[in-house]
C-alpha atoms as a PDB file:
ATOM      1  CA  UNK A   1      14.220 -34.294  21.228  1.00  0.00           C
ATOM      2  CA  UNK A   2      13.922 -36.997  23.876  1.00  0.00           C
ATOM      3  CA  UNK A   3      16.562 -39.690  23.964  1.00  0.00           C
ATOM      4  CA  UNK A   4      16.625 -43.064  25.618  1.00  0.00           C
ATOM      5  CA  UNK A   5      19.408 -43.526  28.171  1.00  0.00           C
ATOM      6  CA  UNK A   6      21.161 -46.895  28.003  1.00  0.00           C
ATOM      7  CA  UNK A   7      22.932 -48.066  31.169  1.00  0.00           C
ATOM      8  CA  UNK A   8      25.510 -50.864  31.281  1.00  0.00           C
ATOM      9  CA  UNK A   9      24.339 -53.570  33.686  1.00  0.00           C
ATOM     10  CA  UNK A  10      27.947 -54.461  34.608  1.00  0.00           C
ATOM     11  CA  UNK A  11      29.483 -51.108  35.637  1.00  0.00           C
ATOM     12  CA  UNK A  12      26.293 -48.965  35.615  1.00  0.00           C
ATOM     13  CA  UNK A  13      27.938 -46.419  33.309  1.00  0.00           C
ATOM     14  CA  UNK A  14      26.422 -44.910  30.192  1.00  0.00           C
ATOM     15  CA  UNK A  15      26.310 -47.042  27.065  1.00  0.00           C
ATOM     16  CA  UNK A  16      25.459 -46.270  23.455  1.00  0.00           C
ATOM     17  CA  UNK A  17      23.512 -48.024  20.733  1.00  0.00           C
ATOM     18  CA  UNK A  18      25.831 -48.987  17.903  1.00  0.00           C
ATOM     19  CA  UNK A  19      23.335 -50.833  15.688  1.00  0.00           C
ATOM     20  CA  UNK A  20      19.639 -51.558  15.633  1.00  0.00           C
ATOM     21  CA  UNK A  21      17.956 -54.455  13.887  1.00  0.00           C
ATOM     22  CA  UNK A  22      14.210 -54.281  13.337  1.00  0.00           C
ATOM     23  CA  UNK A  23      12.815 -57.794  13.654  1.00  0.00           C
ATOM     24  CA  UNK A  24       9.163 -56.740  13.303  1.00  0.00           C
ATOM     25  CA  UNK A  25       7.508 -53.294  13.305  1.00  0.00           C
ATOM     26  CA  UNK A  26       6.932 -53.788  17.067  1.00  0.00           C
ATOM     27  CA  UNK A  27      10.217 -55.459  18.063  1.00  0.00           C
ATOM     28  CA  UNK A  28      13.798 -54.213  17.601  1.00  0.00           C
ATOM     29  CA  UNK A  29      17.148 -55.527  18.829  1.00  0.00           C
ATOM     30  CA  UNK A  30      19.525 -52.804  20.036  1.00  0.00           C
ATOM     31  CA  UNK A  31      23.230 -53.644  19.922  1.00  0.00           C
ATOM     32  CA  UNK A  32      24.984 -51.613  22.624  1.00  0.00           C
ATOM     33  CA  UNK A  33      28.469 -50.967  23.978  1.00  0.00           C
ATOM     34  CA  UNK A  34      29.508 -49.452  27.310  1.00  0.00           C
ATOM     35  CA  UNK A  35      31.223 -46.037  27.067  1.00  0.00           C
ATOM     36  CA  UNK A  36      33.497 -46.913  30.012  1.00  0.00           C
ATOM     37  CA  UNK A  37      36.789 -48.003  28.399  1.00  0.00           C
ATOM     38  CA  UNK A  38      37.708 -50.039  31.495  1.00  0.00           C
ATOM     39  CA  UNK A  39      34.470 -52.040  31.203  1.00  0.00           C
ATOM     40  CA  UNK A  40      34.010 -52.455  27.445  1.00  0.00           C
ATOM     41  CA  UNK A  41      30.863 -54.566  27.869  1.00  0.00           C
ATOM     42  CA  UNK A  42      28.871 -55.131  24.671  1.00  0.00           C
ATOM     43  CA  UNK A  43      25.310 -56.387  24.886  1.00  0.00           C
ATOM     44  CA  UNK A  44      21.938 -56.645  23.165  1.00  0.00           C
ATOM     45  CA  UNK A  45      18.746 -55.051  24.466  1.00  0.00           C
ATOM     46  CA  UNK A  46      15.213 -55.611  23.214  1.00  0.00           C
ATOM     47  CA  UNK A  47      12.881 -52.736  22.434  1.00  0.00           C
ATOM     48  CA  UNK A  48       9.278 -53.846  22.173  1.00  0.00           C
ATOM     49  CA  UNK A  49       5.932 -52.070  21.815  1.00  0.00           C
ATOM     50  CA  UNK A  50       3.699 -53.097  24.728  1.00  0.00           C
ATOM     51  CA  UNK A  51       0.383 -51.222  24.520  1.00  0.00           C
ATOM     52  CA  UNK A  52      -1.204 -47.829  23.911  1.00  0.00           C
ATOM     53  CA  UNK A  53      -2.103 -45.446  26.705  1.00  0.00           C
ATOM     54  CA  UNK A  54      -4.247 -43.261  24.486  1.00  0.00           C
ATOM     55  CA  UNK A  55      -5.830 -44.181  21.150  1.00  0.00           C
ATOM     56  CA  UNK A  56      -4.275 -42.793  18.008  1.00  0.00           C
ATOM     57  CA  UNK A  57      -6.110 -40.184  15.952  1.00  0.00           C
ATOM     58  CA  UNK A  58      -5.136 -41.971  12.731  1.00  0.00           C
ATOM     59  CA  UNK A  59      -7.848 -44.667  12.715  1.00  0.00           C
ATOM     60  CA  UNK A  60     -10.537 -41.968  12.984  1.00  0.00           C
ATOM     61  CA  UNK A  61      -8.907 -39.982  10.202  1.00  0.00           C
ATOM     62  CA  UNK A  62      -8.700 -43.050   7.970  1.00  0.00           C
ATOM     63  CA  UNK A  63     -12.414 -43.828   8.423  1.00  0.00           C
ATOM     64  CA  UNK A  64     -13.408 -40.316   7.354  1.00  0.00           C
ATOM     65  CA  UNK A  65     -11.092 -39.951   4.354  1.00  0.00           C
ATOM     66  CA  UNK A  66     -11.858 -41.186   0.890  1.00  0.00           C
ATOM     67  CA  UNK A  67      -9.648 -43.883  -0.620  1.00  0.00           C
ATOM     68  CA  UNK A  68      -6.453 -42.563  -2.147  1.00  0.00           C
ATOM     69  CA  UNK A  69      -6.506 -39.328  -0.142  1.00  0.00           C
ATOM     70  CA  UNK A  70      -3.134 -38.880   1.586  1.00  0.00           C
ATOM     71  CA  UNK A  71      -2.803 -38.227   5.292  1.00  0.00           C
ATOM     72  CA  UNK A  72      -0.509 -35.306   6.057  1.00  0.00           C
ATOM     73  CA  UNK A  73       1.174 -34.783   9.391  1.00  0.00           C
END
């Protein structure tokens, strides 16, 4: 599993996501806190979908399936 590394912009130490709030399906606010006890910085980061690098296979699958037929992954 790949994980996203969050870095504190004050002390440059590792930070963790404590809460996430999905604003839209393409935009999420990440509430973070620095793991460095001496720093203690808490902050919000934005995670946003920008664009695709390769088209998804799902639109092609949806065009070829009959209505009501489930897509399995």
